[in-house]
Amino acid sequence: MVTTQVIQNCLDELKSITKVDLAVVDVEGVLIAKNSDRFEIVSERVTDFAASAAGSQVLMGCQYLKIYDDGDPIYVLICGDSSEEYMIGKVAVANIQNLIVAYKERFDRNNFFQNLILDNLLLVDIFNRAKKLHIEIEKPRVVMLLEIQSGKESYAMEYLKGMFTPHSGDYVTAVDEKNIIVIKQMESLTDYEAVEEVAGMTVSIMNTEAMINVKLAYGTIVSELKEVSKSYKEAKMALDVGKIFYAEKNVVAYSTLGIGRLIYQLPVNLCEMFIEEIFGEKIPEELDEETLITVNTFLDNNLNVSETARQLYVHRNTLLYRLEKLEKLTGLDIRIFDDALTLKIALMVVNYMRYLQKIDY
């Protein structure tokens, strides 16, 4: 429902333009807003008028006009009884009724998208409600999920609503106290460069201008409204997987999760069996930071010894010594592709298991 402050602002703006005194009361005669103390508000008079069939009526030198919501009177506007004041009163009634419709539609859209992403709507309900809310059904869309810094959720929501507006086909809603969803309308189903650009820009603006730390993940672009929940689930998985395997990234795409997505879906008992088979009792907790950096840099450089040594600022022989030390510890020679792949997956599985322990799996 439209707030009292919004109605008050409407009356104040009309007063500044027209100099006409106005007041709004509910159907019980309780004052909602006014821009003048001119009118004496009598509850019985308002109640009797609200219960009558008339849309407007002159009572005791004042003009009374009903404000409707879905055909039922919910407010009564009071103005002077001159023709000029009556016309301004009619304008005020029209403005307030439009505000009521707009606020109801905004709330309904928010409720609709929350239920849509959570799969709480039947297919027929999706089409019917979308038509009623003037939401296009067959438009490419992608869901971006933002994890917001604690305590900044309300501010972030307002900031995002200024960036993504319904006029451009975008919608912003919240699913819980720390996650905000942006449903972004796209030009085509393959425009992932544009999604990445928007995601990066959003994180940058939120971090630098709004001073809010956020992490953003997004799913795949879907072709119809009914598939928005699919993109949301992908974005949610991308956010979770990103925390485990790509903690340094502020933007994570579902399509780039790779092996991390597979590991995330493995049962814990299989992960434990795999680690035990690879390392036995020598779980990689024994690997120091230097060794882990060496391994990751070596893998990032496609097992190129010279390039890895250059990036680590160490002599080639020093790097080879570290790799041989790692082989003695784990039994894996990561200069061989199969062993390198095994160690890469094993380290990711270990990170996944530590994450589960951290959240009290």
Protein backbone atom coordinates (compact mmCIF):
# COMPACT_ATOMS: atom_id res chain seq x y z
CA MET A 1 0.00 0.00 0.00
CA VAL A 2 1.16 3.53 -0.76
CA THR A 3 2.67 5.16 2.33
CA THR A 4 1.35 8.20 4.20
CA GLN A 5 4.56 10.09 3.35
CA VAL A 6 4.03 9.55 -0.38
CA ILE A 7 0.48 10.96 -0.15
CA GLN A 8 1.78 13.90 1.91
CA ASN A 9 4.44 14.64 -0.71
CA CYS A 10 1.76 14.56 -3.42
CA LEU A 11 -0.37 17.13 -1.56
CA ASP A 12 2.63 19.33 -0.81
CA GLU A 13 3.71 19.39 -4.47
CA LEU A 14 0.18 20.29 -5.62
CA LYS A 15 0.04 23.08 -3.01
CA SER A 16 3.34 24.53 -4.24
CA ILE A 17 2.01 24.61 -7.82
CA THR A 18 -1.68 25.52 -7.36
CA LYS A 19 -1.85 27.09 -3.86
CA VAL A 20 -4.95 24.91 -3.22
CA ASP A 21 -5.60 23.47 0.24
CA LEU A 22 -6.14 19.68 0.38
CA ALA A 23 -6.53 16.96 2.96
CA VAL A 24 -6.83 13.15 2.75
CA VAL A 25 -8.55 10.98 5.36
CA ASP A 26 -9.39 7.29 5.44
CA VAL A 27 -13.01 6.07 5.28
CA GLU A 28 -13.22 6.22 9.09
CA GLY A 29 -12.29 9.89 9.11
CA VAL A 30 -8.71 9.43 10.38
CA LEU A 31 -6.34 12.04 8.95
CA ILE A 32 -3.77 10.64 6.50
CA ALA A 33 -2.17 13.81 5.09
CA LYS A 34 -2.88 17.53 4.68
CA ASN A 35 -1.21 20.66 3.31
CA SER A 36 -3.33 23.08 5.35
CA ASP A 37 -5.19 23.34 8.68
CA ARG A 38 -8.18 24.86 6.91
CA PHE A 39 -10.55 21.90 7.12
CA GLU A 40 -12.43 20.62 10.12
CA ILE A 41 -12.52 16.86 9.86
CA VAL A 42 -15.66 15.25 11.25
CA SER A 43 -15.42 11.45 11.34
CA GLU A 44 -19.17 10.84 11.17
CA ARG A 45 -19.50 13.06 8.11
CA VAL A 46 -16.67 11.21 6.31
CA THR A 47 -18.03 7.79 7.28
CA ASP A 48 -21.51 8.61 6.02
CA PHE A 49 -20.13 9.91 2.73
CA ALA A 50 -17.87 6.85 2.28
CA ALA A 51 -20.86 4.55 2.75
CA SER A 52 -22.97 6.46 0.20
CA ALA A 53 -23.14 5.73 -3.53
CA ALA A 54 -21.92 9.21 -4.49
CA GLY A 55 -18.38 9.68 -5.83
CA SER A 56 -18.26 13.31 -4.71
CA GLN A 57 -20.36 15.55 -2.49
CA VAL A 58 -20.38 19.07 -1.06
CA LEU A 59 -20.72 19.14 2.74
CA MET A 60 -20.51 22.23 4.92
CA GLY A 61 -18.65 24.31 2.33
CA CYS A 62 -16.17 21.56 1.46
CA GLN A 63 -15.95 19.20 -1.49
CA TYR A 64 -15.54 15.50 -0.64
CA LEU A 65 -14.15 13.11 -3.29
CA LYS A 66 -13.62 9.36 -2.98
CA ILE A 67 -10.30 7.67 -3.80
CA TYR A 68 -10.77 4.09 -4.92
CA ASP A 69 -8.72 0.89 -4.88
CA ASP A 70 -10.13 -1.93 -7.04
CA GLY A 71 -13.53 -0.30 -6.99
CA ASP A 72 -13.71 0.19 -3.22
CA PRO A 73 -13.28 3.61 -1.54
CA ILE A 74 -10.24 3.64 0.76
CA TYR A 75 -9.61 7.38 1.16
CA VAL A 76 -11.59 10.60 0.97
CA LEU A 77 -10.03 13.80 -0.36
CA ILE A 78 -11.30 17.11 1.03
CA CYS A 79 -10.91 20.42 -0.78
CA GLY A 80 -12.74 23.74 -1.15
CA ASP A 81 -16.06 23.87 -3.04
CA SER A 82 -15.06 26.36 -5.76
CA SER A 83 -14.83 25.07 -9.34
CA GLU A 84 -11.08 25.68 -9.42
CA GLU A 85 -10.50 23.83 -6.15
CA TYR A 86 -12.77 21.01 -7.32
CA MET A 87 -10.68 20.52 -10.49
CA ILE A 88 -7.45 20.47 -8.51
CA GLY A 89 -9.08 18.01 -6.12
CA LYS A 90 -9.92 15.75 -9.09
CA VAL A 91 -6.29 15.93 -10.21
CA ALA A 92 -5.14 14.99 -6.71
CA VAL A 93 -7.53 12.03 -6.64
CA ALA A 94 -6.22 10.81 -10.01
CA ASN A 95 -2.60 11.16 -8.85
CA ILE A 96 -3.17 9.26 -5.61
CA GLN A 97 -5.10 6.49 -7.36
CA ASN A 98 -2.24 6.11 -9.87
CA LEU A 99 0.22 5.94 -6.98
CA ILE A 100 -1.85 3.20 -5.34
CA VAL A 101 -1.84 1.17 -8.56
CA ALA A 102 1.90 1.69 -9.06
CA TYR A 103 2.77 0.65 -5.50
CA LYS A 104 0.52 -2.39 -5.68
CA GLU A 105 2.09 -3.44 -8.97
CA ARG A 106 5.56 -2.97 -7.53
CA PHE A 107 4.72 -5.17 -4.56
CA ASP A 108 3.01 -7.75 -6.75
CA ARG A 109 5.99 -7.90 -9.10
CA ASN A 110 8.35 -8.39 -6.19
CA ASN A 111 6.19 -11.20 -4.83
CA PHE A 112 5.86 -12.71 -8.31
CA PHE A 113 9.61 -12.87 -8.95
CA GLN A 114 10.35 -14.23 -5.49
CA ASN A 115 7.91 -17.08 -6.05
CA LEU A 116 9.13 -17.56 -9.62
CA ILE A 117 12.78 -18.12 -8.71
CA LEU A 118 11.82 -20.45 -5.88
CA ASP A 119 9.63 -22.60 -8.17
CA ASN A 120 6.48 -21.83 -6.17
CA LEU A 121 4.30 -21.14 -9.22
CA LEU A 122 2.52 -23.43 -11.64
CA LEU A 123 3.16 -22.83 -15.33
CA VAL A 124 -0.35 -21.47 -15.89
CA ASP A 125 0.08 -19.08 -12.93
CA ILE A 126 3.34 -17.79 -14.39
CA PHE A 127 1.72 -16.85 -17.68
CA ASN A 128 -1.44 -15.39 -16.12
CA ARG A 129 0.33 -13.27 -13.52
CA ALA A 130 3.00 -12.12 -15.96
CA LYS A 131 0.30 -10.92 -18.34
CA LYS A 132 -1.48 -9.07 -15.53
CA LEU A 133 1.76 -7.42 -14.40
CA HIS A 134 2.75 -6.50 -17.99
CA ILE A 135 5.90 -8.65 -17.91
CA GLU A 136 7.07 -10.02 -21.26
CA ILE A 137 7.34 -13.80 -21.29
CA GLU A 138 9.66 -14.59 -24.19
CA LYS A 139 12.64 -12.37 -23.49
CA PRO A 140 16.25 -13.51 -22.83
CA ARG A 141 17.08 -13.04 -19.15
CA VAL A 142 19.90 -13.89 -16.79
CA VAL A 143 19.89 -13.99 -12.99
CA MET A 144 22.70 -12.28 -11.09
CA LEU A 145 22.98 -13.12 -7.40
CA LEU A 146 24.78 -10.67 -5.13
CA GLU A 147 26.02 -11.47 -1.64
CA ILE A 148 25.94 -8.21 0.29
CA GLN A 149 28.19 -7.02 3.10
CA SER A 150 26.41 -7.45 6.45
CA GLY A 151 24.47 -4.41 7.59
CA LYS A 152 24.32 -2.82 4.13
CA GLU A 153 21.45 -4.84 2.65
CA SER A 154 18.80 -2.06 2.58
CA TYR A 155 21.20 0.51 1.16
CA ALA A 156 22.41 -1.97 -1.46
CA MET A 157 18.83 -2.77 -2.47
CA GLU A 158 18.00 0.90 -3.10
CA TYR A 159 21.26 1.44 -4.97
CA LEU A 160 20.65 -1.55 -7.23
CA LYS A 161 17.07 -0.47 -7.93
CA GLY A 162 18.52 2.78 -9.24
CA MET A 163 20.87 0.86 -11.54
CA PHE A 164 18.39 -1.75 -12.80
CA THR A 165 14.91 -0.42 -13.52
CA PRO A 166 11.68 -2.08 -14.74
CA HIS A 167 11.65 0.36 -17.68
CA SER A 168 14.62 -1.54 -19.14
CA GLY A 169 13.06 -4.90 -18.32
CA ASP A 170 15.18 -5.49 -15.19
CA TYR A 171 13.93 -6.44 -11.74
CA VAL A 172 15.60 -6.42 -8.35
CA THR A 173 14.38 -8.47 -5.40
CA ALA A 174 15.71 -10.14 -2.24
CA VAL A 175 15.53 -13.81 -1.29
CA ASP A 176 17.01 -13.58 2.18
CA GLU A 177 18.72 -11.14 4.52
CA LYS A 178 22.09 -11.08 2.72
CA ASN A 179 21.41 -12.01 -0.92
CA ILE A 180 19.87 -9.77 -3.59
CA ILE A 181 18.80 -10.95 -7.03
CA VAL A 182 18.95 -8.95 -10.24
CA ILE A 183 16.94 -10.41 -13.13
CA LYS A 184 18.57 -8.76 -16.13
CA GLN A 185 16.92 -8.65 -19.55
CA MET A 186 19.35 -9.31 -22.40
CA GLU A 187 19.38 -8.73 -26.16
CA SER A 188 20.17 -12.32 -27.12
CA LEU A 189 20.78 -15.79 -25.66
CA THR A 190 24.50 -15.66 -26.49
CA ASP A 191 25.39 -12.21 -25.20
CA TYR A 192 27.63 -13.41 -22.36
CA GLU A 193 30.21 -10.69 -22.97
CA ALA A 194 27.56 -8.13 -22.11
CA VAL A 195 26.59 -10.08 -18.96
CA GLU A 196 30.22 -10.20 -17.84
CA GLU A 197 30.58 -6.47 -18.51
CA VAL A 198 27.42 -5.61 -16.55
CA ALA A 199 28.44 -7.91 -13.68
CA GLY A 200 31.93 -6.41 -13.47
CA MET A 201 30.57 -2.86 -13.64
CA THR A 202 27.99 -3.61 -10.93
CA VAL A 203 30.61 -4.98 -8.52
CA SER A 204 32.94 -2.06 -9.26
CA ILE A 205 30.24 0.56 -8.65
CA MET A 206 29.01 -1.12 -5.47
CA ASN A 207 32.56 -1.40 -4.12
CA THR A 208 33.80 2.07 -5.04
CA GLU A 209 30.77 4.40 -5.14
CA ALA A 210 28.37 2.72 -2.71
CA MET A 211 31.25 1.49 -0.51
CA ILE A 212 29.64 -1.95 -0.17
CA ASN A 213 31.63 -5.16 -0.52
CA VAL A 214 29.79 -7.61 -2.76
CA LYS A 215 30.38 -10.90 -4.50
CA LEU A 216 28.38 -11.58 -7.65
CA ALA A 217 27.57 -14.81 -9.47
CA TYR A 218 25.38 -15.32 -12.50
CA GLY A 219 23.75 -18.24 -14.28
CA THR A 220 23.11 -18.93 -17.95
CA ILE A 221 20.87 -16.77 -20.15
CA VAL A 222 17.40 -18.32 -20.47
CA SER A 223 14.87 -17.71 -23.21
CA GLU A 224 11.57 -17.71 -21.28
CA LEU A 225 10.23 -16.41 -18.01
CA LYS A 226 9.50 -19.92 -16.72
CA GLU A 227 13.24 -20.74 -16.91
CA VAL A 228 14.34 -17.88 -14.67
CA SER A 229 14.43 -20.25 -11.67
CA LYS A 230 16.99 -22.38 -13.57
CA SER A 231 19.29 -19.39 -14.01
CA TYR A 232 18.85 -18.52 -10.32
CA LYS A 233 19.85 -22.04 -9.19
CA GLU A 234 22.91 -21.85 -11.42
CA ALA A 235 23.85 -18.46 -9.98
CA LYS A 236 23.42 -19.81 -6.45
CA MET A 237 25.68 -22.76 -7.20
CA ALA A 238 28.23 -20.45 -8.81
CA LEU A 239 28.28 -18.26 -5.68
CA ASP A 240 28.85 -21.29 -3.41
CA VAL A 241 31.46 -22.87 -5.67
CA GLY A 242 33.21 -19.54 -6.07
CA LYS A 243 33.66 -19.24 -2.31
CA ILE A 244 35.38 -22.63 -2.23
CA PHE A 245 37.59 -22.66 -5.31
CA TYR A 246 37.76 -19.08 -6.60
CA ALA A 247 37.77 -17.01 -3.41
CA GLU A 248 39.89 -14.30 -5.03
CA LYS A 249 37.21 -13.54 -7.65
CA ASN A 250 34.40 -11.03 -7.09
CA VAL A 251 32.49 -12.18 -10.19
CA VAL A 252 31.86 -15.86 -10.92
CA ALA A 253 29.98 -17.26 -13.92
CA TYR A 254 28.24 -20.63 -13.79
CA SER A 255 29.62 -21.49 -17.23
CA THR A 256 33.23 -21.13 -16.00
CA LEU A 257 33.05 -23.32 -12.89
CA GLY A 258 34.65 -26.30 -14.65
CA ILE A 259 35.85 -29.08 -12.37
CA GLY A 260 34.73 -27.13 -9.31
CA ARG A 261 31.09 -27.64 -10.28
CA LEU A 262 31.58 -31.43 -10.47
CA ILE A 263 33.39 -31.63 -7.14
CA TYR A 264 30.72 -29.51 -5.46
CA GLN A 265 28.11 -32.13 -6.35
CA LEU A 266 30.09 -35.12 -5.08
CA PRO A 267 29.01 -36.90 -1.88
CA VAL A 268 31.36 -36.37 1.06
CA ASN A 269 32.14 -40.08 1.44
CA LEU A 270 33.41 -40.26 -2.16
CA CYS A 271 35.61 -37.20 -1.56
CA GLU A 272 37.10 -38.83 1.54
CA MET A 273 37.77 -42.08 -0.32
CA PHE A 274 39.45 -40.23 -3.18
CA ILE A 275 41.73 -38.23 -0.87
CA GLU A 276 42.69 -41.36 1.03
CA GLU A 277 43.50 -43.21 -2.19
CA ILE A 278 45.69 -40.38 -3.47
CA PHE A 279 47.49 -39.29 -0.32
CA GLY A 280 46.94 -42.04 2.23
CA GLU A 281 47.62 -40.46 5.60
CA LYS A 282 49.56 -37.55 4.08
CA ILE A 283 46.66 -35.15 3.59
CA PRO A 284 47.87 -31.94 1.87
CA GLU A 285 47.45 -29.96 5.10
CA GLU A 286 51.20 -30.51 5.39
CA LEU A 287 51.87 -28.44 2.26
CA ASP A 288 53.21 -25.04 3.22
CA GLU A 289 52.21 -21.82 1.50
CA GLU A 290 55.36 -21.73 -0.62
CA THR A 291 54.69 -25.21 -1.99
CA LEU A 292 51.03 -24.42 -2.74
CA ILE A 293 52.02 -21.23 -4.59
CA THR A 294 54.60 -23.19 -6.55
CA VAL A 295 52.06 -25.86 -7.50
CA ASN A 296 49.36 -23.39 -8.54
CA THR A 297 51.78 -21.26 -10.59
CA PHE A 298 53.20 -24.37 -12.29
CA LEU A 299 49.70 -25.56 -13.22
CA ASP A 300 48.63 -22.10 -14.38
CA ASN A 301 51.62 -22.05 -16.74
CA ASN A 302 50.72 -25.40 -18.31
CA LEU A 303 53.61 -27.28 -16.64
CA ASN A 304 56.19 -24.92 -18.15
CA VAL A 305 59.22 -25.01 -15.85
CA SER A 306 61.02 -21.97 -17.30
CA GLU A 307 57.97 -19.67 -17.22
CA THR A 308 57.05 -20.78 -13.70
CA ALA A 309 60.59 -20.12 -12.43
CA ARG A 310 60.49 -16.66 -14.04
CA GLN A 311 57.16 -15.74 -12.43
CA LEU A 312 58.27 -17.03 -9.02
CA TYR A 313 61.62 -15.20 -9.30
CA VAL A 314 63.57 -18.40 -8.52
CA HIS A 315 66.28 -20.33 -10.33
CA ARG A 316 65.16 -23.23 -12.53
CA ASN A 317 67.05 -25.69 -10.30
CA THR A 318 65.30 -24.29 -7.21
CA LEU A 319 61.93 -24.93 -8.83
CA LEU A 320 62.95 -28.48 -9.80
CA TYR A 321 64.05 -29.08 -6.20
CA ARG A 322 60.63 -27.98 -4.94
CA LEU A 323 58.86 -30.25 -7.43
CA GLU A 324 61.00 -33.24 -6.39
CA LYS A 325 60.28 -32.46 -2.73
CA LEU A 326 56.56 -32.43 -3.55
CA GLU A 327 56.90 -35.78 -5.33
CA LYS A 328 58.46 -37.37 -2.24
CA LEU A 329 55.66 -36.00 -0.08
CA THR A 330 52.71 -36.93 -2.28
CA GLY A 331 54.03 -39.55 -4.68
CA LEU A 332 52.98 -37.36 -7.62
CA ASP A 333 55.35 -35.86 -10.21
CA ILE A 334 53.40 -32.89 -11.46
CA ARG A 335 55.76 -32.50 -14.44
CA ILE A 336 53.69 -35.39 -15.83
CA PHE A 337 50.26 -34.30 -17.02
CA ASP A 338 48.26 -37.12 -15.37
CA ASP A 339 49.92 -36.52 -12.00
CA ALA A 340 49.43 -32.76 -12.34
CA LEU A 341 45.72 -33.26 -13.07
CA THR A 342 45.36 -35.66 -10.14
CA LEU A 343 46.99 -33.22 -7.72
CA LYS A 344 44.92 -30.31 -9.01
CA ILE A 345 41.67 -32.21 -8.45
CA ALA A 346 42.87 -33.55 -5.08
CA LEU A 347 43.67 -30.07 -3.79
CA MET A 348 40.26 -28.83 -4.92
CA VAL A 349 38.57 -31.74 -3.15
CA VAL A 350 40.50 -30.94 0.03
CA ASN A 351 39.35 -27.31 -0.18
CA TYR A 352 35.79 -28.51 -0.64
CA MET A 353 35.97 -30.76 2.43
CA ARG A 354 37.43 -27.96 4.52
CA TYR A 355 34.59 -25.70 3.39
CA LEU A 356 32.05 -28.30 4.50
CA GLN A 357 33.74 -28.59 7.88
CA LYS A 358 33.75 -24.80 8.23
CA ILE A 359 29.98 -24.54 7.75
CA ASP A 360 29.38 -27.52 10.08
CA TYR A 361 28.23 -29.81 7.34
